[in-house]
């Protein structure tokens, strides 16, 4: 898994590529989110456009950090999720918890 981090105004954008599943990739995602959380700042956009697969462990990491970001009055926003990821979030009844947008532009416009 590859994560590219960059700032866009008040936001931190994490562009994630590859697979997020039990093991090293889920741990890497957690470590990345932990660093972003510790650095402070604004809301975090997680671009999922290049995610080939995410399992329940990866979803669990996102949910765990969602609460931690909320505790600091920050948002963890999902951008460009595939139809499969959208269905997975819906089945797990998590689609109402995460702000989710079809594009980076839509997320930036809605959250600014």
PDB file of N, CA and C in Angstrom:
ATOM      1  N   UNK A   1       0.839  -1.176   0.000  1.00  0.00           N
ATOM      2  CA  UNK A   1       0.000   0.000   0.000  1.00  0.00           C
ATOM      3  C   UNK A   1       0.888   1.246   0.000  1.00  0.00           C
ATOM      4  N   UNK A   2       0.459   2.245  -0.735  1.00  0.00           N
ATOM      5  CA  UNK A   2       1.169   3.510  -0.836  1.00  0.00           C
ATOM      6  C   UNK A   2       0.230   4.612  -0.369  1.00  0.00           C
ATOM      7  N   UNK A   3       0.749   5.542   0.423  1.00  0.00           N
ATOM      8  CA  UNK A   3      -0.031   6.702   0.852  1.00  0.00           C
ATOM      9  C   UNK A   3       0.771   7.953   0.543  1.00  0.00           C
ATOM     10  N   UNK A   4       0.155   8.831  -0.223  1.00  0.00           N
ATOM     11  CA  UNK A   4       0.761  10.129  -0.519  1.00  0.00           C
ATOM     12  C   UNK A   4       0.006  11.172   0.285  1.00  0.00           C
ATOM     13  N   UNK A   5       0.736  11.995   1.025  1.00  0.00           N
ATOM     14  CA  UNK A   5       0.117  13.015   1.876  1.00  0.00           C
ATOM     15  C   UNK A   5       0.466  14.397   1.345  1.00  0.00           C
ATOM     16  N   UNK A   6      -0.541  15.259   1.287  1.00  0.00           N
ATOM     17  CA  UNK A   6      -0.287  16.649   0.921  1.00  0.00           C
ATOM     18  C   UNK A   6      -1.355  17.540   1.532  1.00  0.00           C
ATOM     19  N   UNK A   7      -1.031  18.798   1.662  1.00  0.00           N
ATOM     20  CA  UNK A   7      -1.965  19.785   2.198  1.00  0.00           C
ATOM     21  C   UNK A   7      -2.680  20.477   1.054  1.00  0.00           C
ATOM     22  N   UNK A   8      -3.963  20.703   1.267  1.00  0.00           N
ATOM     23  CA  UNK A   8      -4.763  21.519   0.355  1.00  0.00           C
ATOM     24  C   UNK A   8      -5.477  22.529   1.243  1.00  0.00           C
ATOM     25  N   UNK A   9      -4.922  23.701   1.348  1.00  0.00           N
ATOM     26  CA  UNK A   9      -5.487  24.714   2.235  1.00  0.00           C
ATOM     27  C   UNK A   9      -5.482  24.209   3.671  1.00  0.00           C
ATOM     28  N   UNK A  10      -6.662  24.167   4.267  1.00  0.00           N
ATOM     29  CA  UNK A  10      -6.810  23.717   5.656  1.00  0.00           C
ATOM     30  C   UNK A  10      -6.899  22.193   5.771  1.00  0.00           C
ATOM     31  N   UNK A  11      -6.963  21.504   4.665  1.00  0.00           N
ATOM     32  CA  UNK A  11      -7.167  20.059   4.654  1.00  0.00           C
ATOM     33  C   UNK A  11      -5.851  19.299   4.486  1.00  0.00           C
ATOM     34  N   UNK A  12      -5.853  18.054   4.977  1.00  0.00           N
ATOM     35  CA  UNK A  12      -4.781  17.108   4.686  1.00  0.00           C
ATOM     36  C   UNK A  12      -5.387  16.063   3.765  1.00  0.00           C
ATOM     37  N   UNK A  13      -4.774  15.827   2.625  1.00  0.00           N
ATOM     38  CA  UNK A  13      -5.240  14.822   1.680  1.00  0.00           C
ATOM     39  C   UNK A  13      -4.321  13.614   1.750  1.00  0.00           C
ATOM     40  N   UNK A  14      -4.912  12.456   1.999  1.00  0.00           N
ATOM     41  CA  UNK A  14      -4.185  11.190   1.946  1.00  0.00           C
ATOM     42  C   UNK A  14      -4.683  10.424   0.735  1.00  0.00           C
ATOM     43  N   UNK A  15      -3.846  10.293  -0.275  1.00  0.00           N
ATOM     44  CA  UNK A  15      -4.195   9.501  -1.453  1.00  0.00           C
ATOM     45  C   UNK A  15      -3.654   8.099  -1.215  1.00  0.00           C
ATOM     46  N   UNK A  16      -4.564   7.150  -1.096  1.00  0.00           N
ATOM     47  CA  UNK A  16      -4.203   5.788  -0.733  1.00  0.00           C
ATOM     48  C   UNK A  16      -4.312   4.903  -1.971  1.00  0.00           C
ATOM     49  N   UNK A  17      -3.309   4.026  -2.155  1.00  0.00           N
ATOM     50  CA  UNK A  17      -3.279   3.162  -3.330  1.00  0.00           C
ATOM     51  C   UNK A  17      -2.940   1.738  -2.913  1.00  0.00           C
ATOM     52  N   UNK A  18      -3.644   0.775  -3.501  1.00  0.00           N
ATOM     53  CA  UNK A  18      -3.339  -0.631  -3.255  1.00  0.00           C
ATOM     54  C   UNK A  18      -4.441  -1.351  -2.510  1.00  0.00           C
ATOM     55  N   UNK A  19      -4.040  -2.126  -1.519  1.00  0.00           N
ATOM     56  CA  UNK A  19      -4.943  -2.994  -0.759  1.00  0.00           C
ATOM     57  C   UNK A  19      -4.826  -2.644   0.716  1.00  0.00           C
ATOM     58  N   UNK A  20      -5.967  -2.598   1.411  1.00  0.00           N
ATOM     59  CA  UNK A  20      -5.962  -2.396   2.856  1.00  0.00           C
ATOM     60  C   UNK A  20      -6.602  -3.628   3.475  1.00  0.00           C
ATOM     61  N   UNK A  21      -5.783  -4.445   4.138  1.00  0.00           N
ATOM     62  CA  UNK A  21      -6.295  -5.676   4.744  1.00  0.00           C
ATOM     63  C   UNK A  21      -5.486  -6.012   5.987  1.00  0.00           C
ATOM     64  N   UNK A  22      -5.943  -7.032   6.691  1.00  0.00           N
ATOM     65  CA  UNK A  22      -5.290  -7.483   7.906  1.00  0.00           C
ATOM     66  C   UNK A  22      -3.797  -7.651   7.657  1.00  0.00           C
ATOM     67  N   UNK A  23      -2.991  -7.089   8.533  1.00  0.00           N
ATOM     68  CA  UNK A  23      -1.542  -7.209   8.400  1.00  0.00           C
ATOM     69  C   UNK A  23      -0.884  -5.860   8.214  1.00  0.00           C
ATOM     70  N   UNK A  24       0.179  -5.868   7.437  1.00  0.00           N
ATOM     71  CA  UNK A  24       1.011  -4.672   7.291  1.00  0.00           C
ATOM     72  C   UNK A  24       0.273  -3.484   6.698  1.00  0.00           C
ATOM     73  N   UNK A  25      -0.587  -3.702   5.716  1.00  0.00           N
ATOM     74  CA  UNK A  25      -1.247  -2.561   5.076  1.00  0.00           C
ATOM     75  C   UNK A  25      -2.196  -1.854   6.035  1.00  0.00           C
ATOM     76  N   UNK A  26      -2.947  -2.601   6.832  1.00  0.00           N
ATOM     77  CA  UNK A  26      -3.845  -1.976   7.816  1.00  0.00           C
ATOM     78  C   UNK A  26      -3.032  -1.258   8.888  1.00  0.00           C
ATOM     79  N   UNK A  27      -1.918  -1.847   9.297  1.00  0.00           N
ATOM     80  CA  UNK A  27      -1.049  -1.200  10.288  1.00  0.00           C
ATOM     81  C   UNK A  27      -0.448   0.084   9.722  1.00  0.00           C
ATOM     82  N   UNK A  28      -0.061   0.047   8.460  1.00  0.00           N
ATOM     83  CA  UNK A  28       0.510   1.228   7.813  1.00  0.00           C
ATOM     84  C   UNK A  28      -0.529   2.347   7.746  1.00  0.00           C
ATOM     85  N   UNK A  29      -1.760   1.998   7.397  1.00  0.00           N
ATOM     86  CA  UNK A  29      -2.837   2.990   7.367  1.00  0.00           C
ATOM     87  C   UNK A  29      -3.034   3.582   8.760  1.00  0.00           C
ATOM     88  N   UNK A  30      -3.064   2.731   9.782  1.00  0.00           N
ATOM     89  CA  UNK A  30      -3.241   3.204  11.150  1.00  0.00           C
ATOM     90  C   UNK A  30      -2.100   4.135  11.566  1.00  0.00           C
ATOM     91  N   UNK A  31      -0.874   3.778  11.234  1.00  0.00           N
ATOM     92  CA  UNK A  31       0.277   4.617  11.583  1.00  0.00           C
ATOM     93  C   UNK A  31       0.201   5.971  10.875  1.00  0.00           C
ATOM     94  N   UNK A  32      -0.234   5.952   9.623  1.00  0.00           N
ATOM     95  CA  UNK A  32      -0.374   7.196   8.865  1.00  0.00           C
ATOM     96  C   UNK A  32      -1.434   8.083   9.491  1.00  0.00           C
ATOM     97  N   UNK A  33      -2.584   7.509   9.821  1.00  0.00           N
ATOM     98  CA  UNK A  33      -3.658   8.289  10.448  1.00  0.00           C
ATOM     99  C   UNK A  33      -3.223   8.802  11.818  1.00  0.00           C
ATOM    100  N   UNK A  34      -2.471   8.008  12.547  1.00  0.00           N
ATOM    101  CA  UNK A  34      -1.969   8.422  13.855  1.00  0.00           C
ATOM    102  C   UNK A  34      -1.056   9.641  13.726  1.00  0.00           C
ATOM    103  N   UNK A  35      -0.169   9.629  12.740  1.00  0.00           N
ATOM    104  CA  UNK A  35       0.730  10.768  12.516  1.00  0.00           C
ATOM    105  C   UNK A  35      -0.057  12.026  12.159  1.00  0.00           C
ATOM    106  N   UNK A  36      -1.032  11.870  11.270  1.00  0.00           N
ATOM    107  CA  UNK A  36      -1.844  13.018  10.863  1.00  0.00           C
ATOM    108  C   UNK A  36      -2.623  13.559  12.065  1.00  0.00           C
ATOM    109  N   UNK A  37      -3.124  12.675  12.879  1.00  0.00           N
ATOM    110  CA  UNK A  37      -3.855  13.071  14.081  1.00  0.00           C
ATOM    111  C   UNK A  37      -2.936  13.846  15.026  1.00  0.00           C
ATOM    112  N   UNK A  38      -1.730  13.361  15.219  1.00  0.00           N
ATOM    113  CA  UNK A  38      -0.769  13.988  16.133  1.00  0.00           C
ATOM    114  C   UNK A  38      -0.284  15.343  15.622  1.00  0.00           C
ATOM    115  N   UNK A  39      -0.228  15.500  14.308  1.00  0.00           N
ATOM    116  CA  UNK A  39       0.254  16.754  13.722  1.00  0.00           C
ATOM    117  C   UNK A  39      -0.735  17.895  13.908  1.00  0.00           C
ATOM    118  N   UNK A  40      -1.979  17.554  14.185  1.00  0.00           N
ATOM    119  CA  UNK A  40      -2.993  18.591  14.323  1.00  0.00           C
ATOM    120  C   UNK A  40      -3.395  19.127  12.964  1.00  0.00           C
ATOM    121  N   UNK A  41      -4.190  20.154  12.977  1.00  0.00           N
ATOM    122  CA  UNK A  41      -4.617  20.751  11.723  1.00  0.00           C
ATOM    123  C   UNK A  41      -6.077  20.508  11.446  1.00  0.00           C
ATOM    124  N   UNK A  42      -6.418  20.619  10.189  1.00  0.00           N
ATOM    125  CA  UNK A  42      -7.810  20.557   9.787  1.00  0.00           C
ATOM    126  C   UNK A  42      -8.318  19.162   9.517  1.00  0.00           C
ATOM    127  N   UNK A  43      -9.368  19.127   8.757  1.00  0.00           N
ATOM    128  CA  UNK A  43     -10.010  17.873   8.398  1.00  0.00           C
ATOM    129  C   UNK A  43      -9.103  17.060   7.472  1.00  0.00           C
ATOM    130  N   UNK A  44      -9.348  15.748   7.442  1.00  0.00           N
ATOM    131  CA  UNK A  44      -8.524  14.840   6.642  1.00  0.00           C
ATOM    132  C   UNK A  44      -9.388  14.181   5.575  1.00  0.00           C
ATOM    133  N   UNK A  45      -8.938  14.285   4.349  1.00  0.00           N
ATOM    134  CA  UNK A  45      -9.593  13.650   3.208  1.00  0.00           C
ATOM    135  C   UNK A  45      -8.824  12.388   2.868  1.00  0.00           C
ATOM    136  N   UNK A  46      -9.519  11.258   2.789  1.00  0.00           N
ATOM    137  CA  UNK A  46      -8.883   9.996   2.417  1.00  0.00           C
ATOM    138  C   UNK A  46      -9.404   9.622   1.034  1.00  0.00           C
ATOM    139  N   UNK A  47      -8.534   9.776   0.031  1.00  0.00           N
ATOM    140  CA  UNK A  47      -8.907   9.476  -1.350  1.00  0.00           C
ATOM    141  C   UNK A  47      -8.737   7.977  -1.594  1.00  0.00           C
ATOM    142  N   UNK A  48      -9.840   7.302  -1.832  1.00  0.00           N
ATOM    143  CA  UNK A  48      -9.860   5.844  -2.005  1.00  0.00           C
ATOM    144  C   UNK A  48      -9.934   5.414  -3.467  1.00  0.00           C
ATOM    145  N   UNK A  49      -9.725   6.335  -4.397  1.00  0.00           N
ATOM    146  CA  UNK A  49      -9.899   6.035  -5.819  1.00  0.00           C
ATOM    147  C   UNK A  49      -9.025   4.878  -6.293  1.00  0.00           C
ATOM    148  N   UNK A  50      -7.845   4.712  -5.699  1.00  0.00           N
ATOM    149  CA  UNK A  50      -6.922   3.686  -6.172  1.00  0.00           C
ATOM    150  C   UNK A  50      -6.830   2.498  -5.211  1.00  0.00           C
ATOM    151  N   UNK A  51      -7.870   2.320  -4.393  1.00  0.00           N
ATOM    152  CA  UNK A  51      -7.911   1.163  -3.499  1.00  0.00           C
ATOM    153  C   UNK A  51      -8.536  -0.002  -4.262  1.00  0.00           C
ATOM    154  N   UNK A  52      -7.783  -1.082  -4.385  1.00  0.00           N
ATOM    155  CA  UNK A  52      -8.267  -2.272  -5.078  1.00  0.00           C
ATOM    156  C   UNK A  52      -9.143  -3.135  -4.179  1.00  0.00           C
ATOM    157  N   UNK A  53      -8.845  -3.114  -2.880  1.00  0.00           N
ATOM    158  CA  UNK A  53      -9.544  -3.997  -1.949  1.00  0.00           C
ATOM    159  C   UNK A  53      -9.371  -3.459  -0.535  1.00  0.00           C
ATOM    160  N   UNK A  54     -10.433  -3.551   0.257  1.00  0.00           N
ATOM    161  CA  UNK A  54     -10.363  -3.222   1.675  1.00  0.00           C
ATOM    162  C   UNK A  54     -11.168  -4.267   2.426  1.00  0.00           C
ATOM    163  N   UNK A  55     -10.592  -4.820   3.496  1.00  0.00           N
ATOM    164  CA  UNK A  55     -11.323  -5.820   4.272  1.00  0.00           C
ATOM    165  C   UNK A  55     -11.858  -5.191   5.559  1.00  0.00           C
ATOM    166  N   UNK A  56     -12.445  -6.018   6.407  1.00  0.00           N
ATOM    167  CA  UNK A  56     -13.055  -5.512   7.635  1.00  0.00           C
ATOM    168  C   UNK A  56     -12.027  -4.881   8.566  1.00  0.00           C
ATOM    169  N   UNK A  57     -10.786  -5.349   8.517  1.00  0.00           N
ATOM    170  CA  UNK A  57      -9.734  -4.748   9.347  1.00  0.00           C
ATOM    171  C   UNK A  57      -9.466  -3.318   8.900  1.00  0.00           C
ATOM    172  N   UNK A  58      -9.390  -3.105   7.597  1.00  0.00           N
ATOM    173  CA  UNK A  58      -9.187  -1.752   7.065  1.00  0.00           C
ATOM    174  C   UNK A  58     -10.348  -0.838   7.411  1.00  0.00           C
ATOM    175  N   UNK A  59     -11.567  -1.348   7.269  1.00  0.00           N
ATOM    176  CA  UNK A  59     -12.753  -0.570   7.647  1.00  0.00           C
ATOM    177  C   UNK A  59     -12.701  -0.265   9.141  1.00  0.00           C
ATOM    178  N   UNK A  60     -12.302  -1.257   9.931  1.00  0.00           N
ATOM    179  CA  UNK A  60     -12.202  -1.071  11.380  1.00  0.00           C
ATOM    180  C   UNK A  60     -11.222   0.033  11.755  1.00  0.00           C
ATOM    181  N   UNK A  61     -10.090   0.105  11.049  1.00  0.00           N
ATOM    182  CA  UNK A  61      -9.125   1.170  11.311  1.00  0.00           C
ATOM    183  C   UNK A  61      -9.743   2.541  11.016  1.00  0.00           C
ATOM    184  N   UNK A  62     -10.446   2.643   9.902  1.00  0.00           N
ATOM    185  CA  UNK A  62     -11.097   3.917   9.562  1.00  0.00           C
ATOM    186  C   UNK A  62     -12.121   4.303  10.624  1.00  0.00           C
ATOM    187  N   UNK A  63     -12.931   3.351  11.063  1.00  0.00           N
ATOM    188  CA  UNK A  63     -13.954   3.627  12.072  1.00  0.00           C
ATOM    189  C   UNK A  63     -13.300   4.049  13.388  1.00  0.00           C
ATOM    190  N   UNK A  64     -12.251   3.351  13.790  1.00  0.00           N
ATOM    191  CA  UNK A  64     -11.559   3.702  15.024  1.00  0.00           C
ATOM    192  C   UNK A  64     -11.011   5.115  15.001  1.00  0.00           C
ATOM    193  N   UNK A  65     -10.422   5.494  13.888  1.00  0.00           N
ATOM    194  CA  UNK A  65      -9.869   6.840  13.783  1.00  0.00           C
ATOM    195  C   UNK A  65     -10.950   7.888  13.573  1.00  0.00           C
ATOM    196  N   UNK A  66     -12.082   7.517  13.021  1.00  0.00           N
ATOM    197  CA  UNK A  66     -13.193   8.451  12.876  1.00  0.00           C
ATOM    198  C   UNK A  66     -13.549   9.044  14.236  1.00  0.00           C
ATOM    199  N   UNK A  67     -13.672   8.197  15.239  1.00  0.00           N
ATOM    200  CA  UNK A  67     -13.995   8.667  16.588  1.00  0.00           C
ATOM    201  C   UNK A  67     -12.913   9.542  17.177  1.00  0.00           C
ATOM    202  N   UNK A  68     -11.674   9.165  16.948  1.00  0.00           N
ATOM    203  CA  UNK A  68     -10.559   9.942  17.491  1.00  0.00           C
ATOM    204  C   UNK A  68     -10.469  11.327  16.844  1.00  0.00           C
ATOM    205  N   UNK A  69     -10.725  11.404  15.539  1.00  0.00           N
ATOM    206  CA  UNK A  69     -10.733  12.701  14.873  1.00  0.00           C
ATOM    207  C   UNK A  69     -11.902  13.543  15.378  1.00  0.00           C
ATOM    208  N   UNK A  70     -13.064  12.929  15.538  1.00  0.00           N
ATOM    209  CA  UNK A  70     -14.236  13.663  16.041  1.00  0.00           C
ATOM    210  C   UNK A  70     -13.990  14.223  17.428  1.00  0.00           C
ATOM    211  N   UNK A  71     -13.289  13.467  18.265  1.00  0.00           N
ATOM    212  CA  UNK A  71     -12.974  13.946  19.616  1.00  0.00           C
ATOM    213  C   UNK A  71     -12.172  15.246  19.583  1.00  0.00           C
ATOM    214  N   UNK A  72     -11.438  15.460  18.506  1.00  0.00           N
ATOM    215  CA  UNK A  72     -10.633  16.672  18.340  1.00  0.00           C
ATOM    216  C   UNK A  72     -11.320  17.695  17.426  1.00  0.00           C
ATOM    217  N   UNK A  73     -12.622  17.476  17.179  1.00  0.00           N
ATOM    218  CA  UNK A  73     -13.427  18.354  16.332  1.00  0.00           C
ATOM    219  C   UNK A  73     -12.874  18.440  14.913  1.00  0.00           C
ATOM    220  N   UNK A  74     -12.379  17.300  14.429  1.00  0.00           N
ATOM    221  CA  UNK A  74     -11.882  17.188  13.062  1.00  0.00           C
ATOM    222  C   UNK A  74     -12.690  16.105  12.358  1.00  0.00           C
ATOM    223  N   UNK A  75     -12.752  16.180  11.042  1.00  0.00           N
ATOM    224  CA  UNK A  75     -13.486  15.185  10.261  1.00  0.00           C
ATOM    225  C   UNK A  75     -12.530  14.270   9.509  1.00  0.00           C
ATOM    226  N   UNK A  76     -12.951  13.036   9.345  1.00  0.00           N
ATOM    227  CA  UNK A  76     -12.273  12.064   8.499  1.00  0.00           C
ATOM    228  C   UNK A  76     -13.236  11.813   7.341  1.00  0.00           C
ATOM    229  N   UNK A  77     -12.885  12.318   6.180  1.00  0.00           N
ATOM    230  CA  UNK A  77     -13.782  12.361   5.025  1.00  0.00           C
ATOM    231  C   UNK A  77     -13.294  11.389   3.959  1.00  0.00           C
ATOM    232  N   UNK A  78     -14.206  10.559   3.457  1.00  0.00           N
ATOM    233  CA  UNK A  78     -13.855   9.599   2.408  1.00  0.00           C
ATOM    234  C   UNK A  78     -14.181  10.196   1.044  1.00  0.00           C
ATOM    235  N   UNK A  79     -13.238  10.053   0.121  1.00  0.00           N
ATOM    236  CA  UNK A  79     -13.391  10.617  -1.219  1.00  0.00           C
ATOM    237  C   UNK A  79     -13.160   9.512  -2.241  1.00  0.00           C
ATOM    238  N   UNK A  80     -13.964   9.512  -3.286  1.00  0.00           N
ATOM    239  CA  UNK A  80     -13.818   8.587  -4.416  1.00  0.00           C
ATOM    240  C   UNK A  80     -13.894   7.099  -4.044  1.00  0.00           C
ATOM    241  N   UNK A  81     -14.777   6.700  -3.138  1.00  0.00           N
ATOM    242  CA  UNK A  81     -14.845   5.265  -2.855  1.00  0.00           C
ATOM    243  C   UNK A  81     -15.461   4.520  -4.039  1.00  0.00           C
ATOM    244  N   UNK A  82     -14.972   3.323  -4.290  1.00  0.00           N
ATOM    245  CA  UNK A  82     -15.547   2.508  -5.363  1.00  0.00           C
ATOM    246  C   UNK A  82     -16.951   2.077  -4.955  1.00  0.00           C
ATOM    247  N   UNK A  83     -17.687   1.566  -5.905  1.00  0.00           N
ATOM    248  CA  UNK A  83     -19.037   1.071  -5.610  1.00  0.00           C
ATOM    249  C   UNK A  83     -18.969  -0.048  -4.585  1.00  0.00           C
ATOM    250  N   UNK A  84     -17.961  -0.900  -4.662  1.00  0.00           N
ATOM    251  CA  UNK A  84     -17.803  -2.000  -3.711  1.00  0.00           C
ATOM    252  C   UNK A  84     -17.609  -1.467  -2.283  1.00  0.00           C
ATOM    253  N   UNK A  85     -16.760  -0.451  -2.127  1.00  0.00           N
ATOM    254  CA  UNK A  85     -16.533   0.137  -0.807  1.00  0.00           C
ATOM    255  C   UNK A  85     -17.803   0.813  -0.301  1.00  0.00           C
ATOM    256  N   UNK A  86     -18.513   1.484  -1.179  1.00  0.00           N
ATOM    257  CA  UNK A  86     -19.790   2.114  -0.785  1.00  0.00           C
ATOM    258  C   UNK A  86     -20.773   1.060  -0.275  1.00  0.00           C
ATOM    259  N   UNK A  87     -20.861  -0.067  -0.985  1.00  0.00           N
ATOM    260  CA  UNK A  87     -21.776  -1.135  -0.552  1.00  0.00           C
ATOM    261  C   UNK A  87     -21.347  -1.705   0.792  1.00  0.00           C
ATOM    262  N   UNK A  88     -20.048  -1.905   0.959  1.00  0.00           N
ATOM    263  CA  UNK A  88     -19.515  -2.424   2.212  1.00  0.00           C
ATOM    264  C   UNK A  88     -19.859  -1.487   3.376  1.00  0.00           C
ATOM    265  N   UNK A  89     -19.676  -0.199   3.184  1.00  0.00           N
ATOM    266  CA  UNK A  89     -20.026   0.774   4.219  1.00  0.00           C
ATOM    267  C   UNK A  89     -21.523   0.754   4.503  1.00  0.00           C
ATOM    268  N   UNK A  90     -22.316   0.614   3.449  1.00  0.00           N
ATOM    269  CA  UNK A  90     -23.768   0.585   3.609  1.00  0.00           C
ATOM    270  C   UNK A  90     -24.222  -0.663   4.386  1.00  0.00           C
ATOM    271  N   UNK A  91     -23.712  -1.811   4.012  1.00  0.00           N
ATOM    272  CA  UNK A  91     -24.082  -3.067   4.679  1.00  0.00           C
ATOM    273  C   UNK A  91     -23.707  -3.020   6.157  1.00  0.00           C
ATOM    274  N   UNK A  92     -22.559  -2.419   6.455  1.00  0.00           N
ATOM    275  CA  UNK A  92     -22.098  -2.313   7.844  1.00  0.00           C
ATOM    276  C   UNK A  92     -22.747  -1.124   8.567  1.00  0.00           C
ATOM    277  N   UNK A  93     -23.634  -0.423   7.890  1.00  0.00           N
ATOM    278  CA  UNK A  93     -24.335   0.750   8.414  1.00  0.00           C
ATOM    279  C   UNK A  93     -23.363   1.843   8.861  1.00  0.00           C
ATOM    280  N   UNK A  94     -22.280   1.983   8.096  1.00  0.00           N
ATOM    281  CA  UNK A  94     -21.280   3.002   8.390  1.00  0.00           C
ATOM    282  C   UNK A  94     -21.357   4.178   7.425  1.00  0.00           C
ATOM    283  N   UNK A  95     -22.171   4.037   6.382  1.00  0.00           N
ATOM    284  CA  UNK A  95     -22.239   5.083   5.365  1.00  0.00           C
ATOM    285  C   UNK A  95     -22.787   6.397   5.910  1.00  0.00           C
ATOM    286  N   UNK A  96     -23.538   6.340   7.002  1.00  0.00           N
ATOM    287  CA  UNK A  96     -24.062   7.575   7.588  1.00  0.00           C
ATOM    288  C   UNK A  96     -23.058   8.220   8.551  1.00  0.00           C
ATOM    289  N   UNK A  97     -22.049   7.479   8.967  1.00  0.00           N
ATOM    290  CA  UNK A  97     -21.060   8.019   9.897  1.00  0.00           C
ATOM    291  C   UNK A  97     -19.978   8.837   9.203  1.00  0.00           C
ATOM    292  N   UNK A  98     -19.557   8.372   8.035  1.00  0.00           N
ATOM    293  CA  UNK A  98     -18.474   9.030   7.296  1.00  0.00           C
ATOM    294  C   UNK A  98     -19.030  10.033   6.303  1.00  0.00           C
ATOM    295  N   UNK A  99     -18.528  11.268   6.325  1.00  0.00           N
ATOM    296  CA  UNK A  99     -18.828  12.148   5.193  1.00  0.00           C
ATOM    297  C   UNK A  99     -18.136  11.526   3.968  1.00  0.00           C
ATOM    298  N   UNK A 100     -18.887  11.313   2.906  1.00  0.00           N
ATOM    299  CA  UNK A 100     -18.363  10.634   1.722  1.00  0.00           C
ATOM    300  C   UNK A 100     -18.733  11.440   0.476  1.00  0.00           C
ATOM    301  N   UNK A 101     -17.742  11.630  -0.405  1.00  0.00           N
ATOM    302  CA  UNK A 101     -17.958  12.416  -1.610  1.00  0.00           C
ATOM    303  C   UNK A 101     -17.415  11.690  -2.824  1.00  0.00           C
ATOM    304  N   UNK A 102     -18.044  11.953  -3.965  1.00  0.00           N
ATOM    305  CA  UNK A 102     -17.667  11.322  -5.233  1.00  0.00           C
ATOM    306  C   UNK A 102     -16.353  11.855  -5.793  1.00  0.00           C
ATOM    307  N   UNK A 103     -15.979  13.067  -5.397  1.00  0.00           N
ATOM    308  CA  UNK A 103     -14.753  13.661  -5.942  1.00  0.00           C
ATOM    309  C   UNK A 103     -14.100  14.559  -4.905  1.00  0.00           C
ATOM    310  N   UNK A 104     -12.844  14.828  -5.118  1.00  0.00           N
ATOM    311  CA  UNK A 104     -12.102  15.738  -4.247  1.00  0.00           C
ATOM    312  C   UNK A 104     -12.719  17.127  -4.309  1.00  0.00           C
ATOM    313  N   UNK A 105     -13.082  17.571  -5.504  1.00  0.00           N
ATOM    314  CA  UNK A 105     -13.658  18.889  -5.672  1.00  0.00           C
ATOM    315  C   UNK A 105     -14.947  19.024  -4.878  1.00  0.00           C
ATOM    316  N   UNK A 106     -15.809  17.991  -4.922  1.00  0.00           N
ATOM    317  CA  UNK A 106     -17.074  18.023  -4.178  1.00  0.00           C
ATOM    318  C   UNK A 106     -16.827  18.082  -2.680  1.00  0.00           C
ATOM    319  N   UNK A 107     -15.844  17.320  -2.207  1.00  0.00           N
ATOM    320  CA  UNK A 107     -15.525  17.323  -0.782  1.00  0.00           C
ATOM    321  C   UNK A 107     -15.019  18.689  -0.332  1.00  0.00           C
ATOM    322  N   UNK A 108     -14.117  19.267  -1.107  1.00  0.00           N
ATOM    323  CA  UNK A 108     -13.573  20.578  -0.754  1.00  0.00           C
ATOM    324  C   UNK A 108     -14.653  21.649  -0.756  1.00  0.00           C
ATOM    325  N   UNK A 109     -15.535  21.599  -1.748  1.00  0.00           N
ATOM    326  CA  UNK A 109     -16.611  22.603  -1.836  1.00  0.00           C
ATOM    327  C   UNK A 109     -17.588  22.459  -0.671  1.00  0.00           C
ATOM    328  N   UNK A 110     -17.925  21.229  -0.296  1.00  0.00           N
ATOM    329  CA  UNK A 110     -18.901  20.998   0.754  1.00  0.00           C
ATOM    330  C   UNK A 110     -18.354  21.300   2.145  1.00  0.00           C
ATOM    331  N   UNK A 111     -17.069  21.053   2.352  1.00  0.00           N
ATOM    332  CA  UNK A 111     -16.495  21.184   3.689  1.00  0.00           C
ATOM    333  C   UNK A 111     -15.820  22.532   3.938  1.00  0.00           C
ATOM    334  N   UNK A 112     -15.720  23.363   2.917  1.00  0.00           N
ATOM    335  CA  UNK A 112     -15.052  24.671   3.088  1.00  0.00           C
ATOM    336  C   UNK A 112     -15.955  25.669   3.750  1.00  0.00           C
TER     337      UNK A 112
END
